[in-house]
């Protein structure tokens, strides 16, 4: 069970299993106020830098855009020593959720360099997936894509951007979200019965899995993702 508080802390039948940081950005201020709240060097300067590059921006749900986005997901997951989600996952997500899903991808010439997938529900836009080509990180494409997302969210009357959860040990990802002015709450995963598994054992399993994936050929990681994703998602 996941909660954003410690309501189960006094329950003897539950044990704290994992802790995350959950970041959300209030979109109700106007665009100038939002932009001014971003970190000057790590966000605003990189947005301006990206806008000076010869980047091509596309958004939508076309088959070609899904394939470009998926290529970036595969690269990113490979850098993290993790099997990527199968292509069919994203294809079906777009097909069944329609206008509630948006892909945003930046290209240099015809090469995709960064992409994000967001979903809309009510007054909230949810950031769900992102990928990038490490060779082009210096272009600042990812901050530009988030800024485009915020602008579109404001135009459509959304009031909240949900950046999702981050493992408490992933300080780099947490800092990235904080630099957008996003506020965080503690998100706790509780487990019952308490004797099943342990946080230390789960962390060991993750490290071992990454060590194995680091030695697996690229194509085998993609195959593993197609085979395993429905069981571990």
C-alpha atoms as a PDB file:
ATOM      1  CA  UNK A   1       0.000   0.000   0.000  1.00  0.00           C
ATOM      2  CA  UNK A   2       1.311   3.459  -0.905  1.00  0.00           C
ATOM      3  CA  UNK A   3       0.504   6.532   1.202  1.00  0.00           C
ATOM      4  CA  UNK A   4       1.750  10.119   1.263  1.00  0.00           C
ATOM      5  CA  UNK A   5       1.959  10.087   5.049  1.00  0.00           C
ATOM      6  CA  UNK A   6       2.814   7.942   8.022  1.00  0.00           C
ATOM      7  CA  UNK A   7      -0.729   6.772   8.749  1.00  0.00           C
ATOM      8  CA  UNK A   8       0.371   3.131   8.900  1.00  0.00           C
ATOM      9  CA  UNK A   9       3.469   3.757  10.989  1.00  0.00           C
ATOM     10  CA  UNK A  10       1.768   2.699  14.194  1.00  0.00           C
ATOM     11  CA  UNK A  11       0.186  -0.408  12.699  1.00  0.00           C
ATOM     12  CA  UNK A  12       2.026  -3.512  13.851  1.00  0.00           C
ATOM     13  CA  UNK A  13       0.863  -5.502  10.823  1.00  0.00           C
ATOM     14  CA  UNK A  14       2.553  -3.093   8.334  1.00  0.00           C
ATOM     15  CA  UNK A  15       6.226  -2.384   7.739  1.00  0.00           C
ATOM     16  CA  UNK A  16       7.812   0.453   5.760  1.00  0.00           C
ATOM     17  CA  UNK A  17       9.203  -1.149   2.627  1.00  0.00           C
ATOM     18  CA  UNK A  18      10.314   1.715   0.334  1.00  0.00           C
ATOM     19  CA  UNK A  19      10.339   5.497   0.494  1.00  0.00           C
ATOM     20  CA  UNK A  20       9.996   7.862  -2.470  1.00  0.00           C
ATOM     21  CA  UNK A  21       9.727  11.584  -3.104  1.00  0.00           C
ATOM     22  CA  UNK A  22       6.611  12.617  -5.053  1.00  0.00           C
ATOM     23  CA  UNK A  23       6.929  15.961  -6.870  1.00  0.00           C
ATOM     24  CA  UNK A  24       4.140  18.175  -8.188  1.00  0.00           C
ATOM     25  CA  UNK A  25       4.214  21.658  -9.707  1.00  0.00           C
ATOM     26  CA  UNK A  26       1.368  24.119  -9.126  1.00  0.00           C
ATOM     27  CA  UNK A  27       0.442  25.538 -12.540  1.00  0.00           C
ATOM     28  CA  UNK A  28      -2.008  28.185 -11.301  1.00  0.00           C
ATOM     29  CA  UNK A  29       0.501  31.087 -11.337  1.00  0.00           C
ATOM     30  CA  UNK A  30       0.872  32.810 -14.708  1.00  0.00           C
ATOM     31  CA  UNK A  31       3.576  31.718 -17.151  1.00  0.00           C
ATOM     32  CA  UNK A  32       5.959  34.543 -16.266  1.00  0.00           C
ATOM     33  CA  UNK A  33       5.754  33.668 -12.576  1.00  0.00           C
ATOM     34  CA  UNK A  34       6.283  29.984 -13.311  1.00  0.00           C
ATOM     35  CA  UNK A  35       9.261  30.677 -15.562  1.00  0.00           C
ATOM     36  CA  UNK A  36      10.775  32.945 -12.917  1.00  0.00           C
ATOM     37  CA  UNK A  37      10.529  30.144 -10.331  1.00  0.00           C
ATOM     38  CA  UNK A  38      12.711  27.794 -12.386  1.00  0.00           C
ATOM     39  CA  UNK A  39      16.396  27.421 -11.501  1.00  0.00           C
ATOM     40  CA  UNK A  40      18.241  30.167 -13.380  1.00  0.00           C
ATOM     41  CA  UNK A  41      21.191  28.128 -14.668  1.00  0.00           C
ATOM     42  CA  UNK A  42      19.964  24.533 -14.767  1.00  0.00           C
ATOM     43  CA  UNK A  43      16.523  25.193 -16.248  1.00  0.00           C
ATOM     44  CA  UNK A  44      15.993  28.701 -17.662  1.00  0.00           C
ATOM     45  CA  UNK A  45      19.416  28.963 -19.286  1.00  0.00           C
ATOM     46  CA  UNK A  46      19.070  25.495 -20.805  1.00  0.00           C
ATOM     47  CA  UNK A  47      15.635  26.322 -22.204  1.00  0.00           C
ATOM     48  CA  UNK A  48      17.035  29.449 -23.864  1.00  0.00           C
ATOM     49  CA  UNK A  49      20.016  27.473 -25.128  1.00  0.00           C
ATOM     50  CA  UNK A  50      17.743  24.813 -26.678  1.00  0.00           C
ATOM     51  CA  UNK A  51      15.621  27.472 -28.357  1.00  0.00           C
ATOM     52  CA  UNK A  52      18.744  28.823 -30.085  1.00  0.00           C
ATOM     53  CA  UNK A  53      19.615  25.429 -31.537  1.00  0.00           C
ATOM     54  CA  UNK A  54      18.305  24.112 -34.845  1.00  0.00           C
ATOM     55  CA  UNK A  55      16.028  21.639 -33.107  1.00  0.00           C
ATOM     56  CA  UNK A  56      12.841  20.415 -34.727  1.00  0.00           C
ATOM     57  CA  UNK A  57       9.939  19.976 -32.343  1.00  0.00           C
ATOM     58  CA  UNK A  58       7.066  17.550 -32.862  1.00  0.00           C
ATOM     59  CA  UNK A  59       4.133  16.615 -30.699  1.00  0.00           C
ATOM     60  CA  UNK A  60       1.240  14.242 -31.192  1.00  0.00           C
ATOM     61  CA  UNK A  61       0.483  10.536 -31.361  1.00  0.00           C
ATOM     62  CA  UNK A  62       1.559   9.406 -34.834  1.00  0.00           C
ATOM     63  CA  UNK A  63       3.128   6.001 -35.443  1.00  0.00           C
ATOM     64  CA  UNK A  64       6.402   7.599 -36.547  1.00  0.00           C
ATOM     65  CA  UNK A  65       6.527   9.726 -33.394  1.00  0.00           C
ATOM     66  CA  UNK A  66       5.921   6.668 -31.193  1.00  0.00           C
ATOM     67  CA  UNK A  67       8.823   4.896 -32.919  1.00  0.00           C
ATOM     68  CA  UNK A  68      11.140   7.884 -32.485  1.00  0.00           C
ATOM     69  CA  UNK A  69      10.186   8.131 -28.825  1.00  0.00           C
ATOM     70  CA  UNK A  70      10.671   4.407 -28.296  1.00  0.00           C
ATOM     71  CA  UNK A  71      14.206   4.571 -29.734  1.00  0.00           C
ATOM     72  CA  UNK A  72      15.030   7.114 -27.011  1.00  0.00           C
ATOM     73  CA  UNK A  73      13.444   4.952 -24.311  1.00  0.00           C
ATOM     74  CA  UNK A  74      15.611   2.001 -25.366  1.00  0.00           C
ATOM     75  CA  UNK A  75      18.780   4.122 -25.210  1.00  0.00           C
ATOM     76  CA  UNK A  76      17.900   5.512 -21.786  1.00  0.00           C
ATOM     77  CA  UNK A  77      16.971   2.186 -20.234  1.00  0.00           C
ATOM     78  CA  UNK A  78      20.152   0.633 -21.635  1.00  0.00           C
ATOM     79  CA  UNK A  79      22.229   3.346 -19.926  1.00  0.00           C
ATOM     80  CA  UNK A  80      20.448   2.460 -16.697  1.00  0.00           C
ATOM     81  CA  UNK A  81      21.083  -1.276 -17.231  1.00  0.00           C
ATOM     82  CA  UNK A  82      17.338  -1.952 -17.331  1.00  0.00           C
ATOM     83  CA  UNK A  83      15.231  -3.751 -19.951  1.00  0.00           C
ATOM     84  CA  UNK A  84      13.055  -1.254 -21.837  1.00  0.00           C
ATOM     85  CA  UNK A  85       9.302  -1.486 -21.907  1.00  0.00           C
ATOM     86  CA  UNK A  86       8.108  -3.209 -25.106  1.00  0.00           C
ATOM     87  CA  UNK A  87       7.189  -1.054 -28.097  1.00  0.00           C
ATOM     88  CA  UNK A  88       3.665  -2.494 -27.947  1.00  0.00           C
ATOM     89  CA  UNK A  89       3.190  -0.930 -24.510  1.00  0.00           C
ATOM     90  CA  UNK A  90       3.551   2.602 -25.886  1.00  0.00           C
ATOM     91  CA  UNK A  91       1.700   1.807 -29.110  1.00  0.00           C
ATOM     92  CA  UNK A  92      -1.315   0.522 -27.163  1.00  0.00           C
ATOM     93  CA  UNK A  93      -1.152   3.349 -24.655  1.00  0.00           C
ATOM     94  CA  UNK A  94      -1.467   5.912 -27.440  1.00  0.00           C
ATOM     95  CA  UNK A  95      -4.102   3.896 -29.307  1.00  0.00           C
ATOM     96  CA  UNK A  96      -6.409   3.462 -26.328  1.00  0.00           C
ATOM     97  CA  UNK A  97      -5.977   6.778 -24.507  1.00  0.00           C
ATOM     98  CA  UNK A  98      -6.153   9.002 -27.581  1.00  0.00           C
ATOM     99  CA  UNK A  99      -6.101  12.726 -26.851  1.00  0.00           C
ATOM    100  CA  UNK A 100      -5.305  12.124 -23.180  1.00  0.00           C
ATOM    101  CA  UNK A 101      -1.756  11.131 -24.207  1.00  0.00           C
ATOM    102  CA  UNK A 102       0.810  13.415 -25.817  1.00  0.00           C
ATOM    103  CA  UNK A 103       4.289  12.637 -27.127  1.00  0.00           C
ATOM    104  CA  UNK A 104       6.775  15.490 -27.444  1.00  0.00           C
ATOM    105  CA  UNK A 105      10.040  14.805 -29.264  1.00  0.00           C
ATOM    106  CA  UNK A 106      12.960  17.059 -30.219  1.00  0.00           C
ATOM    107  CA  UNK A 107      15.061  16.246 -33.283  1.00  0.00           C
ATOM    108  CA  UNK A 108      18.358  17.434 -34.661  1.00  0.00           C
ATOM    109  CA  UNK A 109      17.815  17.044 -38.385  1.00  0.00           C
ATOM    110  CA  UNK A 110      16.036  13.663 -38.497  1.00  0.00           C
ATOM    111  CA  UNK A 111      17.612  12.199 -35.367  1.00  0.00           C
ATOM    112  CA  UNK A 112      15.519  12.166 -32.171  1.00  0.00           C
ATOM    113  CA  UNK A 113      17.479  13.560 -29.225  1.00  0.00           C
ATOM    114  CA  UNK A 114      14.900  13.775 -26.408  1.00  0.00           C
ATOM    115  CA  UNK A 115      11.283  12.841 -25.821  1.00  0.00           C
ATOM    116  CA  UNK A 116       8.668  12.786 -23.082  1.00  0.00           C
ATOM    117  CA  UNK A 117       5.224  11.224 -22.760  1.00  0.00           C
ATOM    118  CA  UNK A 118       2.534  12.900 -20.684  1.00  0.00           C
ATOM    119  CA  UNK A 119      -1.037  11.964 -19.812  1.00  0.00           C
ATOM    120  CA  UNK A 120      -3.970  14.194 -18.888  1.00  0.00           C
ATOM    121  CA  UNK A 121      -6.655  13.530 -16.323  1.00  0.00           C
ATOM    122  CA  UNK A 122      -8.928  16.205 -14.945  1.00  0.00           C
ATOM    123  CA  UNK A 123      -6.928  19.317 -14.061  1.00  0.00           C
ATOM    124  CA  UNK A 124      -3.621  17.409 -13.908  1.00  0.00           C
ATOM    125  CA  UNK A 125      -1.009  16.561 -16.529  1.00  0.00           C
ATOM    126  CA  UNK A 126       1.149  13.575 -15.588  1.00  0.00           C
ATOM    127  CA  UNK A 127       4.717  13.110 -16.732  1.00  0.00           C
ATOM    128  CA  UNK A 128       5.041   9.336 -17.246  1.00  0.00           C
ATOM    129  CA  UNK A 129       8.041   8.479 -19.443  1.00  0.00           C
ATOM    130  CA  UNK A 130      11.109  10.186 -20.829  1.00  0.00           C
ATOM    131  CA  UNK A 131      14.122   9.248 -22.906  1.00  0.00           C
ATOM    132  CA  UNK A 132      17.131  10.945 -24.441  1.00  0.00           C
ATOM    133  CA  UNK A 133      20.251  10.456 -26.526  1.00  0.00           C
ATOM    134  CA  UNK A 134      23.216  11.134 -24.220  1.00  0.00           C
ATOM    135  CA  UNK A 135      25.308  12.421 -27.141  1.00  0.00           C
ATOM    136  CA  UNK A 136      23.018  15.455 -27.390  1.00  0.00           C
ATOM    137  CA  UNK A 137      22.351  16.286 -23.738  1.00  0.00           C
ATOM    138  CA  UNK A 138      24.291  19.518 -24.186  1.00  0.00           C
ATOM    139  CA  UNK A 139      21.513  20.883 -26.427  1.00  0.00           C
ATOM    140  CA  UNK A 140      19.070  21.230 -23.525  1.00  0.00           C
ATOM    141  CA  UNK A 141      16.232  19.518 -25.369  1.00  0.00           C
ATOM    142  CA  UNK A 142      14.625  17.880 -22.319  1.00  0.00           C
ATOM    143  CA  UNK A 143      14.089  21.150 -20.370  1.00  0.00           C
ATOM    144  CA  UNK A 144      12.652  22.663 -23.551  1.00  0.00           C
ATOM    145  CA  UNK A 145      10.156  19.783 -23.839  1.00  0.00           C
ATOM    146  CA  UNK A 146       9.008  20.234 -20.249  1.00  0.00           C
ATOM    147  CA  UNK A 147       8.580  23.964 -20.840  1.00  0.00           C
ATOM    148  CA  UNK A 148       6.444  23.222 -23.918  1.00  0.00           C
ATOM    149  CA  UNK A 149       4.412  20.834 -21.765  1.00  0.00           C
ATOM    150  CA  UNK A 150       3.841  23.509 -19.126  1.00  0.00           C
ATOM    151  CA  UNK A 151       2.811  26.069 -21.744  1.00  0.00           C
ATOM    152  CA  UNK A 152       0.329  23.620 -23.296  1.00  0.00           C
ATOM    153  CA  UNK A 153      -1.015  22.656 -19.878  1.00  0.00           C
ATOM    154  CA  UNK A 154      -1.656  26.290 -19.012  1.00  0.00           C
ATOM    155  CA  UNK A 155      -3.383  26.873 -22.351  1.00  0.00           C
ATOM    156  CA  UNK A 156      -5.743  23.948 -21.724  1.00  0.00           C
ATOM    157  CA  UNK A 157      -6.614  24.993 -18.172  1.00  0.00           C
ATOM    158  CA  UNK A 158      -4.596  22.389 -16.251  1.00  0.00           C
ATOM    159  CA  UNK A 159      -3.643  23.304 -12.716  1.00  0.00           C
ATOM    160  CA  UNK A 160      -1.021  20.723 -11.752  1.00  0.00           C
ATOM    161  CA  UNK A 161       1.977  19.005 -13.329  1.00  0.00           C
ATOM    162  CA  UNK A 162       2.685  15.681 -11.635  1.00  0.00           C
ATOM    163  CA  UNK A 163       6.372  14.816 -12.036  1.00  0.00           C
ATOM    164  CA  UNK A 164       5.820  11.402 -10.464  1.00  0.00           C
ATOM    165  CA  UNK A 165       7.823   9.639  -7.805  1.00  0.00           C
ATOM    166  CA  UNK A 166      11.583   9.355  -7.379  1.00  0.00           C
ATOM    167  CA  UNK A 167      13.531   6.850  -5.330  1.00  0.00           C
ATOM    168  CA  UNK A 168      14.826   8.688  -2.262  1.00  0.00           C
ATOM    169  CA  UNK A 169      18.363   7.593  -3.165  1.00  0.00           C
ATOM    170  CA  UNK A 170      18.150   9.108  -6.669  1.00  0.00           C
ATOM    171  CA  UNK A 171      19.377  12.563  -5.714  1.00  0.00           C
ATOM    172  CA  UNK A 172      20.026  13.621  -9.304  1.00  0.00           C
ATOM    173  CA  UNK A 173      16.417  13.063 -10.375  1.00  0.00           C
ATOM    174  CA  UNK A 174      15.092  14.736  -7.226  1.00  0.00           C
ATOM    175  CA  UNK A 175      17.251  17.823  -7.836  1.00  0.00           C
ATOM    176  CA  UNK A 176      16.041  18.007 -11.448  1.00  0.00           C
ATOM    177  CA  UNK A 177      12.404  18.121 -10.321  1.00  0.00           C
ATOM    178  CA  UNK A 178      13.099  20.580  -7.525  1.00  0.00           C
ATOM    179  CA  UNK A 179      14.749  22.960  -9.986  1.00  0.00           C
ATOM    180  CA  UNK A 180      11.374  23.369 -11.684  1.00  0.00           C
ATOM    181  CA  UNK A 181       9.935  24.628  -8.414  1.00  0.00           C
ATOM    182  CA  UNK A 182       8.043  21.386  -7.831  1.00  0.00           C
ATOM    183  CA  UNK A 183       7.060  20.628  -4.251  1.00  0.00           C
ATOM    184  CA  UNK A 184       7.555  17.138  -2.844  1.00  0.00           C
ATOM    185  CA  UNK A 185       5.878  14.923  -0.299  1.00  0.00           C
ATOM    186  CA  UNK A 186       7.117  11.678   1.187  1.00  0.00           C
ATOM    187  CA  UNK A 187       5.539   8.657  -0.499  1.00  0.00           C
ATOM    188  CA  UNK A 188       5.836   5.438   1.499  1.00  0.00           C
ATOM    189  CA  UNK A 189       5.283   1.875   0.338  1.00  0.00           C
ATOM    190  CA  UNK A 190       4.002  -0.296   3.182  1.00  0.00           C
ATOM    191  CA  UNK A 191       3.987  -4.078   3.234  1.00  0.00           C
ATOM    192  CA  UNK A 192       1.929  -6.638   5.113  1.00  0.00           C
ATOM    193  CA  UNK A 193       2.605  -9.304   6.345  1.00  0.00           C
ATOM    194  CA  UNK A 194       5.800  -7.754   7.642  1.00  0.00           C
ATOM    195  CA  UNK A 195       7.838 -10.966   7.467  1.00  0.00           C
ATOM    196  CA  UNK A 196       7.596 -11.182   3.640  1.00  0.00           C
ATOM    197  CA  UNK A 197      10.734  -9.791   2.048  1.00  0.00           C
ATOM    198  CA  UNK A 198      12.903  -6.957   3.316  1.00  0.00           C
ATOM    199  CA  UNK A 199      14.092  -3.593   1.915  1.00  0.00           C
ATOM    200  CA  UNK A 200      17.722  -4.761   2.015  1.00  0.00           C
ATOM    201  CA  UNK A 201      16.882  -7.905   0.058  1.00  0.00           C
ATOM    202  CA  UNK A 202      14.921  -5.919  -2.540  1.00  0.00           C
ATOM    203  CA  UNK A 203      17.844  -3.514  -3.023  1.00  0.00           C
ATOM    204  CA  UNK A 204      20.232  -6.452  -3.396  1.00  0.00           C
ATOM    205  CA  UNK A 205      17.967  -8.013  -6.038  1.00  0.00           C
ATOM    206  CA  UNK A 206      17.923  -4.717  -7.960  1.00  0.00           C
ATOM    207  CA  UNK A 207      21.722  -4.386  -7.873  1.00  0.00           C
ATOM    208  CA  UNK A 208      22.182  -7.973  -9.026  1.00  0.00           C
ATOM    209  CA  UNK A 209      19.659  -7.506 -11.838  1.00  0.00           C
ATOM    210  CA  UNK A 210      21.458  -4.369 -13.054  1.00  0.00           C
ATOM    211  CA  UNK A 211      24.807  -6.145 -12.901  1.00  0.00           C
ATOM    212  CA  UNK A 212      23.438  -8.914 -15.112  1.00  0.00           C
ATOM    213  CA  UNK A 213      21.840  -6.442 -17.533  1.00  0.00           C
ATOM    214  CA  UNK A 214      25.122  -4.539 -17.825  1.00  0.00           C
ATOM    215  CA  UNK A 215      26.723  -7.600 -19.409  1.00  0.00           C
ATOM    216  CA  UNK A 216      23.804  -8.489 -21.698  1.00  0.00           C
ATOM    217  CA  UNK A 217      23.910  -7.488 -25.400  1.00  0.00           C
ATOM    218  CA  UNK A 218      21.683  -4.563 -26.369  1.00  0.00           C
ATOM    219  CA  UNK A 219      19.226  -6.672 -28.390  1.00  0.00           C
ATOM    220  CA  UNK A 220      18.850  -9.128 -25.539  1.00  0.00           C
ATOM    221  CA  UNK A 221      17.760  -6.285 -23.230  1.00  0.00           C
ATOM    222  CA  UNK A 222      15.010  -5.337 -25.686  1.00  0.00           C
ATOM    223  CA  UNK A 223      13.896  -8.969 -25.903  1.00  0.00           C
ATOM    224  CA  UNK A 224      13.929  -9.268 -22.107  1.00  0.00           C
ATOM    225  CA  UNK A 225      11.733  -6.179 -21.849  1.00  0.00           C
ATOM    226  CA  UNK A 226       9.144  -7.669 -24.192  1.00  0.00           C
ATOM    227  CA  UNK A 227       9.187 -10.941 -22.279  1.00  0.00           C
ATOM    228  CA  UNK A 228       9.199  -9.605 -18.714  1.00  0.00           C
ATOM    229  CA  UNK A 229       7.480  -6.224 -18.632  1.00  0.00           C
ATOM    230  CA  UNK A 230       3.951  -7.453 -18.061  1.00  0.00           C
ATOM    231  CA  UNK A 231       5.172  -9.356 -14.993  1.00  0.00           C
ATOM    232  CA  UNK A 232       7.277  -6.625 -13.355  1.00  0.00           C
ATOM    233  CA  UNK A 233       5.526  -3.354 -14.313  1.00  0.00           C
END
